[in-house]
Amino acid sequence: MNYPNRARRAAGPLVSASVVMMAATLWAASASAQSPIHGFFEFKGGAYRPLVDQEFGEGGGPFEGFFGGDSMFLGEVQYDHHLWDGFGKLGLAFNAGYGSVSGRVRMPDGSEVELADEARFRVIPLRAGLVYRYDYSALHHNIPLVPKLKAGLDYHLWRVVGADGETAGTDAQRASGGKFGWHVTAGLNFHLDFIDKGSAAAFDMSWGINNSYLFAEYTWANVDNFGGEGIDLSARHFAFGLAFEY
């Protein structure tokens, strides 16, 4: 009887199965491994219009009379640093944006006055606060929706620039300054890794991006020096963007 040949034939499938199982185990381990998680970067934008004329009621005011009734585009970037990671994530958020709109002198009927001069209103919103994202269900139960809530303090820089590129106004009173305030933001993220987990794992291995999201959010901001006098830069606006957790 040729026992060695029989042993080799019997051992062949066992070795093959062991190799397959080992490869599957290693693949699963590498797919589930993640780089360390520290925080978020968000890139977003949307229509923005400060409530400068709200004290004048529905009839409009000087801001609308000069710059018109259209909203400006506000682009923003936000950085979050995770403070706590458990049933969701709590982080410290820093946000900066930029928006501008140009205008000309207008008649009461809305028509423009034929003047060579044109002015541009610029605003730079700066925000700092806390942000909470409930991502437990997205990461553990394959539910790709992640609600989030943010709140904090604001400081908005503003400036009116003339056609010559200089700040409008007189030496005694320049059309520029800054206003303090506060904001609350509610939003909803869609977890893109839910669509293609293999590509998400490769993205993490190559770039250190653990999770990617598309999101929409709504911000309620009161920026009037907490009820003080002067220009009111309060706003209510939506923003849409892309977020990366690294």
Protein backbone atom coordinates (compact mmCIF):
# COMPACT_ATOMS: atom_id res chain seq x y z
CA MET A 1 0.00 0.00 0.00
CA ASN A 2 1.26 3.48 -0.94
CA TYR A 3 0.56 5.36 2.28
CA PRO A 4 2.83 8.40 1.56
CA ASN A 5 0.97 9.22 -1.67
CA ARG A 6 -2.38 8.86 0.06
CA ALA A 7 -1.19 11.14 2.89
CA ARG A 8 -0.01 13.75 0.43
CA ARG A 9 -3.31 13.63 -1.46
CA ALA A 10 -5.28 13.99 1.78
CA ALA A 11 -3.09 16.79 3.09
CA GLY A 12 -3.31 18.84 -0.13
CA PRO A 13 -6.91 20.08 0.37
CA LEU A 14 -6.23 20.75 4.04
CA VAL A 15 -3.21 22.92 3.21
CA SER A 16 -5.17 24.80 0.55
CA ALA A 17 -8.05 25.42 2.96
CA SER A 18 -5.63 26.64 5.62
CA VAL A 19 -3.99 29.06 3.19
CA VAL A 20 -7.40 30.41 2.10
CA MET A 21 -8.53 30.86 5.71
CA MET A 22 -5.27 32.57 6.65
CA ALA A 23 -5.52 34.94 3.69
CA ALA A 24 -9.14 35.76 4.54
CA THR A 25 -8.21 36.44 8.15
CA LEU A 26 -5.35 38.75 7.15
CA TRP A 27 -7.58 40.57 4.63
CA ALA A 28 -10.31 41.07 7.23
CA ALA A 29 -7.79 42.34 9.75
CA SER A 30 -6.30 44.83 7.30
CA ALA A 31 -9.75 45.98 6.15
CA SER A 32 -10.95 46.61 9.69
CA ALA A 33 -7.74 48.30 10.85
CA GLN A 34 -7.91 52.07 10.98
CA SER A 35 -5.35 54.78 11.40
CA PRO A 36 -5.62 56.86 14.60
CA ILE A 37 -8.56 59.31 14.69
CA HIS A 38 -7.95 62.88 15.81
CA GLY A 39 -10.61 65.17 14.33
CA PHE A 40 -12.41 66.58 11.29
CA PHE A 41 -11.90 68.94 8.38
CA GLU A 42 -15.01 70.43 6.77
CA PHE A 43 -15.26 72.40 3.52
CA LYS A 44 -18.63 74.05 2.91
CA GLY A 45 -20.47 76.89 1.26
CA GLY A 46 -23.90 78.39 0.77
CA ALA A 47 -25.99 81.52 0.31
CA TYR A 48 -25.48 84.09 3.07
CA ARG A 49 -27.09 87.43 3.80
CA PRO A 50 -26.56 89.34 7.08
CA LEU A 51 -29.63 90.87 8.71
CA VAL A 52 -28.22 94.39 8.51
CA ASP A 53 -31.58 95.94 7.58
CA GLN A 54 -33.87 93.98 9.92
CA GLU A 55 -34.56 97.06 12.08
CA PHE A 56 -36.17 98.73 9.04
CA GLY A 57 -38.79 96.00 8.61
CA GLU A 58 -40.00 94.50 5.34
CA GLY A 59 -39.51 97.72 3.38
CA GLY A 60 -35.76 97.23 3.22
CA GLY A 61 -32.98 99.49 4.40
CA PRO A 62 -29.72 101.10 3.28
CA PHE A 63 -27.85 97.82 2.87
CA GLU A 64 -30.47 96.44 0.49
CA GLY A 65 -30.75 99.81 -1.21
CA PHE A 66 -27.07 99.76 -2.12
CA PHE A 67 -26.17 96.08 -2.46
CA GLY A 68 -29.55 94.80 -3.63
CA GLY A 69 -31.61 91.92 -2.31
CA ASP A 70 -29.42 89.05 -3.49
CA SER A 71 -27.46 86.86 -1.10
CA MET A 72 -23.70 86.47 -1.30
CA PHE A 73 -21.84 83.16 -1.43
CA LEU A 74 -20.08 82.31 1.83
CA GLY A 75 -17.27 79.78 1.69
CA GLU A 76 -16.08 78.25 4.97
CA VAL A 77 -13.56 75.80 6.35
CA GLN A 78 -13.78 74.14 9.78
CA TYR A 79 -11.31 72.18 11.87
CA ASP A 80 -12.44 69.98 14.77
CA HIS A 81 -10.30 68.32 17.41
CA HIS A 82 -11.90 65.35 19.19
CA LEU A 83 -12.17 65.75 22.97
CA TRP A 84 -14.19 62.60 23.64
CA ASP A 85 -14.95 59.47 21.61
CA GLY A 86 -17.63 57.19 22.99
CA PHE A 87 -21.33 57.19 22.18
CA GLY A 88 -20.65 59.61 19.35
CA LYS A 89 -17.88 62.22 19.31
CA LEU A 90 -17.50 65.56 21.07
CA GLY A 91 -15.00 68.03 19.67
CA LEU A 92 -13.66 71.56 19.79
CA ALA A 93 -14.43 73.35 16.51
CA PHE A 94 -12.79 76.35 14.81
CA ASN A 95 -14.46 77.88 11.75
CA ALA A 96 -13.43 80.64 9.31
CA GLY A 97 -15.25 81.92 6.24
CA TYR A 98 -15.26 84.61 3.57
CA GLY A 99 -18.07 86.27 1.64
CA SER A 100 -18.48 89.42 -0.42
CA VAL A 101 -21.06 91.27 -2.47
CA SER A 102 -20.75 94.35 -4.69
CA GLY A 103 -23.29 97.07 -5.31
CA ARG A 104 -24.07 100.50 -6.71
CA VAL A 105 -26.27 103.36 -5.58
CA ARG A 106 -29.91 102.57 -6.38
CA MET A 107 -33.07 104.62 -6.81
CA PRO A 108 -36.18 103.84 -4.71
CA ASP A 109 -37.55 101.80 -7.65
CA GLY A 110 -34.45 99.59 -7.62
CA SER A 111 -32.76 101.04 -10.72
CA GLU A 112 -29.04 101.78 -10.50
CA VAL A 113 -27.65 105.30 -10.56
CA GLU A 114 -25.09 105.81 -13.32
CA LEU A 115 -21.99 106.40 -11.25
CA ALA A 116 -18.49 105.08 -11.84
CA ASP A 117 -17.99 104.20 -8.20
CA GLU A 118 -18.76 100.71 -6.97
CA ALA A 119 -18.42 99.38 -3.45
CA ARG A 120 -17.92 95.86 -2.12
CA PHE A 121 -19.05 94.55 1.26
CA ARG A 122 -16.76 91.86 2.71
CA VAL A 123 -17.33 89.70 5.77
CA ILE A 124 -15.07 87.16 7.49
CA PRO A 125 -17.00 85.08 10.05
CA LEU A 126 -14.83 83.48 12.73
CA ARG A 127 -16.35 80.90 15.08
CA ALA A 128 -15.22 78.69 17.95
CA GLY A 129 -17.29 76.24 19.97
CA LEU A 130 -18.25 72.65 20.68
CA VAL A 131 -19.58 70.12 18.18
CA TYR A 132 -21.24 66.75 18.86
CA ARG A 133 -21.75 64.09 16.18
CA TYR A 134 -23.78 60.96 16.82
CA ASP A 135 -21.90 58.50 14.58
CA TYR A 136 -22.28 55.32 16.66
CA SER A 137 -25.07 53.87 14.48
CA ALA A 138 -23.20 54.75 11.28
CA LEU A 139 -20.00 53.02 12.39
CA HIS A 140 -21.54 49.98 14.13
CA HIS A 141 -25.00 49.42 12.59
CA ASN A 142 -24.51 50.51 8.94
CA ILE A 143 -26.95 53.41 9.27
CA PRO A 144 -25.24 56.12 7.19
CA LEU A 145 -26.90 59.18 8.74
CA VAL A 146 -24.98 61.17 11.37
CA PRO A 147 -26.80 64.05 13.14
CA LYS A 148 -24.65 66.84 14.54
CA LEU A 149 -25.10 69.90 16.75
CA LYS A 150 -22.75 72.85 17.19
CA ALA A 151 -22.79 75.90 19.46
CA GLY A 152 -20.28 78.59 20.32
CA LEU A 153 -19.07 82.18 20.07
CA ASP A 154 -18.58 84.33 16.96
CA TYR A 155 -16.46 87.27 15.92
CA HIS A 156 -17.22 88.63 12.43
CA LEU A 157 -14.91 91.05 10.67
CA TRP A 158 -16.54 93.34 8.08
CA ARG A 159 -15.38 95.98 5.66
CA VAL A 160 -16.76 98.13 2.84
CA VAL A 161 -14.19 98.65 0.07
CA GLY A 162 -14.49 101.35 -2.59
CA ALA A 163 -13.57 101.16 -6.27
CA ASP A 164 -10.02 102.25 -5.37
CA GLY A 165 -9.56 99.24 -3.10
CA GLU A 166 -9.47 101.36 0.03
CA THR A 167 -11.83 101.16 3.01
CA ALA A 168 -14.81 103.44 2.52
CA GLY A 169 -15.62 106.26 4.96
CA THR A 170 -13.78 109.19 6.44
CA ASP A 171 -10.68 109.34 8.59
CA ALA A 172 -12.93 109.81 11.61
CA GLN A 173 -15.21 106.88 10.83
CA ARG A 174 -14.14 104.00 8.63
CA ALA A 175 -16.63 101.48 7.21
CA SER A 176 -15.02 98.49 8.89
CA GLY A 177 -14.95 96.72 12.22
CA GLY A 178 -15.80 93.55 14.08
CA LYS A 179 -18.85 92.23 15.92
CA PHE A 180 -19.18 89.59 18.64
CA GLY A 181 -22.03 87.12 18.92
CA TRP A 182 -23.04 83.47 19.20
CA HIS A 183 -24.33 80.69 16.98
CA VAL A 184 -26.16 77.36 17.03
CA THR A 185 -25.89 74.95 14.10
CA ALA A 186 -27.83 71.74 13.39
CA GLY A 187 -26.87 69.42 10.56
CA LEU A 188 -26.99 65.94 9.08
CA ASN A 189 -24.04 64.02 7.60
CA PHE A 190 -24.26 61.16 5.09
CA HIS A 191 -21.52 58.55 5.60
CA LEU A 192 -19.93 57.98 2.17
CA ASP A 193 -18.00 54.91 3.36
CA PHE A 194 -21.36 53.10 3.47
CA ILE A 195 -21.38 53.07 -0.36
CA ASP A 196 -17.97 51.44 -0.95
CA LYS A 197 -16.17 50.15 2.14
CA GLY A 198 -13.27 48.73 0.14
CA SER A 199 -12.40 52.12 -1.38
CA ALA A 200 -12.86 53.73 2.04
CA ALA A 201 -10.33 51.32 3.58
CA ALA A 202 -7.85 52.05 0.77
CA PHE A 203 -8.40 55.79 1.27
CA ASP A 204 -7.57 55.37 4.94
CA MET A 205 -4.43 53.36 4.23
CA SER A 206 -3.19 55.86 1.60
CA TRP A 207 -4.22 59.20 3.11
CA GLY A 208 -5.18 58.55 6.73
CA ILE A 209 -8.83 59.53 6.13
CA ASN A 210 -10.96 57.31 8.35
CA ASN A 211 -14.43 58.49 7.29
CA SER A 212 -15.87 60.78 4.61
CA TYR A 213 -19.21 62.58 4.68
CA LEU A 214 -21.49 64.77 2.60
CA PHE A 215 -23.53 67.10 4.79
CA ALA A 216 -26.08 69.88 5.05
CA GLU A 217 -26.46 72.22 8.01
CA TYR A 218 -28.43 75.25 9.15
CA THR A 219 -26.89 78.02 11.25
CA TRP A 220 -28.72 80.50 13.48
CA ALA A 221 -26.25 83.27 14.36
CA ASN A 222 -26.81 86.43 16.42
CA VAL A 223 -23.82 88.72 15.81
CA ASP A 224 -24.72 92.15 17.17
CA ASN A 225 -22.34 92.58 20.12
CA PHE A 226 -24.97 90.87 22.29
CA GLY A 227 -27.59 93.55 21.66
CA GLY A 228 -25.24 96.49 21.20
CA GLU A 229 -25.46 99.32 18.69
CA GLY A 230 -24.08 99.44 15.17
CA ILE A 231 -24.22 97.11 12.20
CA ASP A 232 -26.00 93.80 12.80
CA LEU A 233 -24.26 90.82 11.20
CA SER A 234 -26.75 88.22 12.43
CA ALA A 235 -27.78 85.63 9.83
CA ARG A 236 -29.83 82.49 9.25
CA HIS A 237 -28.37 80.35 6.49
CA PHE A 238 -27.85 76.87 5.06
CA ALA A 239 -24.51 75.39 4.04
CA PHE A 240 -23.56 72.24 2.15
CA GLY A 241 -20.19 70.56 2.09
CA LEU A 242 -17.77 67.68 2.40
CA ALA A 243 -16.17 66.46 5.65
CA PHE A 244 -13.18 64.21 6.31
CA GLU A 245 -12.42 62.50 9.60
CA TYR A 246 -8.74 61.76 10.03
